[in-house]
C-alpha atoms as a PDB file:
ATOM      1  CA  UNK A   1      94.505  99.356  73.782  1.00  0.00           C
ATOM      2  CA  UNK A   2      95.277  95.716  74.582  1.00  0.00           C
ATOM      3  CA  UNK A   3      93.508  93.122  76.686  1.00  0.00           C
ATOM      4  CA  UNK A   4      95.612  90.896  78.918  1.00  0.00           C
ATOM      5  CA  UNK A   5      94.204  87.931  80.789  1.00  0.00           C
ATOM      6  CA  UNK A   6      95.521  85.477  83.305  1.00  0.00           C
ATOM      7  CA  UNK A   7      94.346  82.659  85.525  1.00  0.00           C
ATOM      8  CA  UNK A   8      94.466  82.711  89.310  1.00  0.00           C
ATOM      9  CA  UNK A   9      94.433  79.507  91.399  1.00  0.00           C
ATOM     10  CA  UNK A  10      92.712  81.202  94.353  1.00  0.00           C
ATOM     11  CA  UNK A  11      91.422  84.639  95.264  1.00  0.00           C
ATOM     12  CA  UNK A  12      92.397  86.160  98.593  1.00  0.00           C
ATOM     13  CA  UNK A  13      92.414  89.719  97.284  1.00  0.00           C
ATOM     14  CA  UNK A  14      96.212  89.738  97.055  1.00  0.00           C
ATOM     15  CA  UNK A  15      96.837  89.615  93.302  1.00  0.00           C
ATOM     16  CA  UNK A  16      94.798  91.389  92.180  1.00  0.00           C
ATOM     17  CA  UNK A  17      94.219  93.570  95.226  1.00  0.00           C
ATOM     18  CA  UNK A  18      90.860  95.377  94.822  1.00  0.00           C
ATOM     19  CA  UNK A  19      90.716  97.208  98.158  1.00  0.00           C
ATOM     20  CA  UNK A  20      90.762 100.824  99.349  1.00  0.00           C
ATOM     21  CA  UNK A  21      89.451 102.364  96.132  1.00  0.00           C
ATOM     22  CA  UNK A  22      92.173 101.012  93.853  1.00  0.00           C
ATOM     23  CA  UNK A  23      92.677  97.710  92.091  1.00  0.00           C
ATOM     24  CA  UNK A  24      96.394  96.979  92.002  1.00  0.00           C
ATOM     25  CA  UNK A  25      98.524  94.282  90.479  1.00  0.00           C
ATOM     26  CA  UNK A  26     101.846  94.441  92.328  1.00  0.00           C
ATOM     27  CA  UNK A  27     102.813  90.770  92.529  1.00  0.00           C
ATOM     28  CA  UNK A  28     102.794  87.778  90.224  1.00  0.00           C
ATOM     29  CA  UNK A  29     102.468  88.099  86.449  1.00  0.00           C
ATOM     30  CA  UNK A  30     105.698  90.048  85.793  1.00  0.00           C
ATOM     31  CA  UNK A  31     105.175  89.733  82.030  1.00  0.00           C
ATOM     32  CA  UNK A  32     101.825  91.498  82.184  1.00  0.00           C
ATOM     33  CA  UNK A  33     103.117  94.094  84.660  1.00  0.00           C
ATOM     34  CA  UNK A  34     106.080  94.802  82.367  1.00  0.00           C
ATOM     35  CA  UNK A  35     104.060  95.081  79.151  1.00  0.00           C
ATOM     36  CA  UNK A  36     100.687  96.606  80.057  1.00  0.00           C
ATOM     37  CA  UNK A  37     100.275 100.301  79.380  1.00  0.00           C
ATOM     38  CA  UNK A  38      97.882 102.953  80.627  1.00  0.00           C
ATOM     39  CA  UNK A  39      94.542 102.332  78.924  1.00  0.00           C
ATOM     40  CA  UNK A  40      95.007  98.563  78.617  1.00  0.00           C
ATOM     41  CA  UNK A  41      92.578  96.154  80.270  1.00  0.00           C
ATOM     42  CA  UNK A  42      93.481  93.150  82.418  1.00  0.00           C
ATOM     43  CA  UNK A  43      91.127  90.276  83.215  1.00  0.00           C
ATOM     44  CA  UNK A  44      91.684  87.612  85.871  1.00  0.00           C
ATOM     45  CA  UNK A  45      89.833  84.297  85.681  1.00  0.00           C
ATOM     46  CA  UNK A  46      89.613  81.441  88.163  1.00  0.00           C
ATOM     47  CA  UNK A  47      91.661  78.367  87.317  1.00  0.00           C
ATOM     48  CA  UNK A  48      90.020  75.091  86.344  1.00  0.00           C
ATOM     49  CA  UNK A  49      91.080  73.452  89.633  1.00  0.00           C
ATOM     50  CA  UNK A  50      89.573  76.099  91.893  1.00  0.00           C
ATOM     51  CA  UNK A  51      86.226  76.970  93.403  1.00  0.00           C
ATOM     52  CA  UNK A  52      86.154  79.971  91.057  1.00  0.00           C
ATOM     53  CA  UNK A  53      86.795  77.882  87.932  1.00  0.00           C
ATOM     54  CA  UNK A  54      86.354  79.801  84.683  1.00  0.00           C
ATOM     55  CA  UNK A  55      84.725  82.776  86.441  1.00  0.00           C
ATOM     56  CA  UNK A  56      85.747  86.344  85.715  1.00  0.00           C
ATOM     57  CA  UNK A  57      87.165  87.442  89.064  1.00  0.00           C
ATOM     58  CA  UNK A  58      88.409  90.908  88.113  1.00  0.00           C
ATOM     59  CA  UNK A  59      88.561  93.330  85.197  1.00  0.00           C
ATOM     60  CA  UNK A  60      90.687  96.469  85.499  1.00  0.00           C
ATOM     61  CA  UNK A  61      91.672  99.321  83.208  1.00  0.00           C
ATOM     62  CA  UNK A  62      95.264 100.380  83.832  1.00  0.00           C
ATOM     63  CA  UNK A  63      95.185 104.038  84.804  1.00  0.00           C
ATOM     64  CA  UNK A  64      98.676 104.447  86.208  1.00  0.00           C
ATOM     65  CA  UNK A  65     101.939 102.595  86.759  1.00  0.00           C
ATOM     66  CA  UNK A  66     104.490 103.068  89.529  1.00  0.00           C
ATOM     67  CA  UNK A  67     107.783 101.473  90.472  1.00  0.00           C
ATOM     68  CA  UNK A  68     107.766  99.409  93.665  1.00  0.00           C
ATOM     69  CA  UNK A  69     109.601 102.167  95.550  1.00  0.00           C
ATOM     70  CA  UNK A  70     107.098 104.791  94.356  1.00  0.00           C
ATOM     71  CA  UNK A  71     104.217 102.516  95.358  1.00  0.00           C
ATOM     72  CA  UNK A  72     105.827 101.825  98.747  1.00  0.00           C
ATOM     73  CA  UNK A  73     106.063 105.530  99.660  1.00  0.00           C
ATOM     74  CA  UNK A  74     102.902 106.892  98.005  1.00  0.00           C
ATOM     75  CA  UNK A  75     100.458 108.024 100.706  1.00  0.00           C
ATOM     76  CA  UNK A  76      97.499 106.742  98.647  1.00  0.00           C
ATOM     77  CA  UNK A  77      98.736 103.171  99.052  1.00  0.00           C
ATOM     78  CA  UNK A  78      99.831 103.019 102.697  1.00  0.00           C
ATOM     79  CA  UNK A  79      96.639 101.058 103.415  1.00  0.00           C
ATOM     80  CA  UNK A  80      97.927  98.340 101.074  1.00  0.00           C
ATOM     81  CA  UNK A  81     100.880  97.525 103.357  1.00  0.00           C
ATOM     82  CA  UNK A  82     100.010  94.186 105.026  1.00  0.00           C
ATOM     83  CA  UNK A  83      98.743  94.312 108.610  1.00  0.00           C
ATOM     84  CA  UNK A  84      98.052  90.949 110.219  1.00  0.00           C
ATOM     85  CA  UNK A  85      96.067  92.017 113.291  1.00  0.00           C
ATOM     86  CA  UNK A  86      93.197  93.463 111.247  1.00  0.00           C
ATOM     87  CA  UNK A  87      90.734  91.925 108.786  1.00  0.00           C
ATOM     88  CA  UNK A  88      91.358  90.100 105.516  1.00  0.00           C
ATOM     89  CA  UNK A  89      91.610  93.206 103.345  1.00  0.00           C
ATOM     90  CA  UNK A  90      94.506  94.433 105.507  1.00  0.00           C
ATOM     91  CA  UNK A  91      96.202  91.053 105.839  1.00  0.00           C
ATOM     92  CA  UNK A  92      96.494  90.535 102.074  1.00  0.00           C
ATOM     93  CA  UNK A  93      97.986  93.927 101.249  1.00  0.00           C
ATOM     94  CA  UNK A  94     100.202  93.803  98.158  1.00  0.00           C
ATOM     95  CA  UNK A  95     102.472  96.787  98.901  1.00  0.00           C
ATOM     96  CA  UNK A  96     105.372  94.605 100.023  1.00  0.00           C
ATOM     97  CA  UNK A  97     108.458  95.366  97.889  1.00  0.00           C
ATOM     98  CA  UNK A  98     110.929  98.221  98.161  1.00  0.00           C
ATOM     99  CA  UNK A  99     114.642  98.878  98.185  1.00  0.00           C
ATOM    100  CA  UNK A 100     116.917  99.457 101.144  1.00  0.00           C
ATOM    101  CA  UNK A 101     120.025 100.765  99.442  1.00  0.00           C
ATOM    102  CA  UNK A 102     120.567  98.516  96.427  1.00  0.00           C
ATOM    103  CA  UNK A 103     118.853  95.530  98.033  1.00  0.00           C
ATOM    104  CA  UNK A 104     115.244  94.427  97.490  1.00  0.00           C
ATOM    105  CA  UNK A 105     113.183  93.981 100.645  1.00  0.00           C
ATOM    106  CA  UNK A 106     109.983  91.974 101.024  1.00  0.00           C
ATOM    107  CA  UNK A 107     107.714  92.851 103.932  1.00  0.00           C
ATOM    108  CA  UNK A 108     106.045  90.001 105.833  1.00  0.00           C
ATOM    109  CA  UNK A 109     103.085  89.136 103.645  1.00  0.00           C
ATOM    110  CA  UNK A 110     101.201  86.488 101.731  1.00  0.00           C
ATOM    111  CA  UNK A 111     104.375  86.103  99.610  1.00  0.00           C
ATOM    112  CA  UNK A 112     106.844  85.681 102.483  1.00  0.00           C
ATOM    113  CA  UNK A 113     107.362  82.625 104.669  1.00  0.00           C
ATOM    114  CA  UNK A 114     105.067  81.996 107.646  1.00  0.00           C
ATOM    115  CA  UNK A 115     107.694  83.386 110.038  1.00  0.00           C
ATOM    116  CA  UNK A 116     107.820  86.622 108.003  1.00  0.00           C
ATOM    117  CA  UNK A 117     111.201  85.928 106.436  1.00  0.00           C
ATOM    118  CA  UNK A 118     111.817  86.700 102.779  1.00  0.00           C
ATOM    119  CA  UNK A 119     110.707  84.131 100.234  1.00  0.00           C
ATOM    120  CA  UNK A 120     113.367  84.697  97.575  1.00  0.00           C
ATOM    121  CA  UNK A 121     111.535  82.648  94.958  1.00  0.00           C
ATOM    122  CA  UNK A 122     108.566  85.057  95.103  1.00  0.00           C
ATOM    123  CA  UNK A 123     110.802  88.121  95.460  1.00  0.00           C
ATOM    124  CA  UNK A 124     112.885  87.173  92.419  1.00  0.00           C
ATOM    125  CA  UNK A 125     109.822  86.467  90.251  1.00  0.00           C
ATOM    126  CA  UNK A 126     107.844  89.518  91.338  1.00  0.00           C
ATOM    127  CA  UNK A 127     110.694  92.009  90.979  1.00  0.00           C
ATOM    128  CA  UNK A 128     111.524  90.926  87.417  1.00  0.00           C
ATOM    129  CA  UNK A 129     109.156  93.751  86.469  1.00  0.00           C
ATOM    130  CA  UNK A 130     109.592  96.804  88.683  1.00  0.00           C
ATOM    131  CA  UNK A 131     106.063  98.001  87.973  1.00  0.00           C
ATOM    132  CA  UNK A 132     102.786  98.124  89.804  1.00  0.00           C
ATOM    133  CA  UNK A 133      99.615  98.452  87.727  1.00  0.00           C
ATOM    134  CA  UNK A 134      96.950 100.674  89.264  1.00  0.00           C
ATOM    135  CA  UNK A 135      93.306 101.111  88.346  1.00  0.00           C
ATOM    136  CA  UNK A 136      90.441 103.211  89.602  1.00  0.00           C
ATOM    137  CA  UNK A 137      88.210 101.797  86.862  1.00  0.00           C
ATOM    138  CA  UNK A 138      87.703  98.160  87.743  1.00  0.00           C
ATOM    139  CA  UNK A 139      85.175  95.438  88.415  1.00  0.00           C
ATOM    140  CA  UNK A 140      85.886  92.937  91.152  1.00  0.00           C
ATOM    141  CA  UNK A 141      83.548  89.974  91.376  1.00  0.00           C
ATOM    142  CA  UNK A 142      85.508  87.638  93.626  1.00  0.00           C
ATOM    143  CA  UNK A 143      83.730  84.281  93.909  1.00  0.00           C
ATOM    144  CA  UNK A 144      80.569  85.820  92.438  1.00  0.00           C
END
């Protein structure tokens, strides 16, 4: 078992995404997503320049990993597709990457541009590790 930790500049519930019974890490931190194994723990802390400075925001035990395409089509995670005409937990869904043929697609989301077009900088960084980390054992504290 390993412990990974990282710092987040703000917490919208996007990365990590603690909603709908699962805590998922599907964007950002490709190094952690590539390396972490089932049974490892991941901690997210607020950055020094944020309102959540040095606070433990989330702690999750990796219980499963999926590829982006598996995550995209898995019925358990349909609620994590972003929907902008509902509340915050729907708007910041992290189930945004999948393939169409050989090409990566990015759904309109927190990581795309305001007009919904693909932000290739985020897409390229996030898809460096084709893995989503999934936990049912987690603690999400947010700003608390």
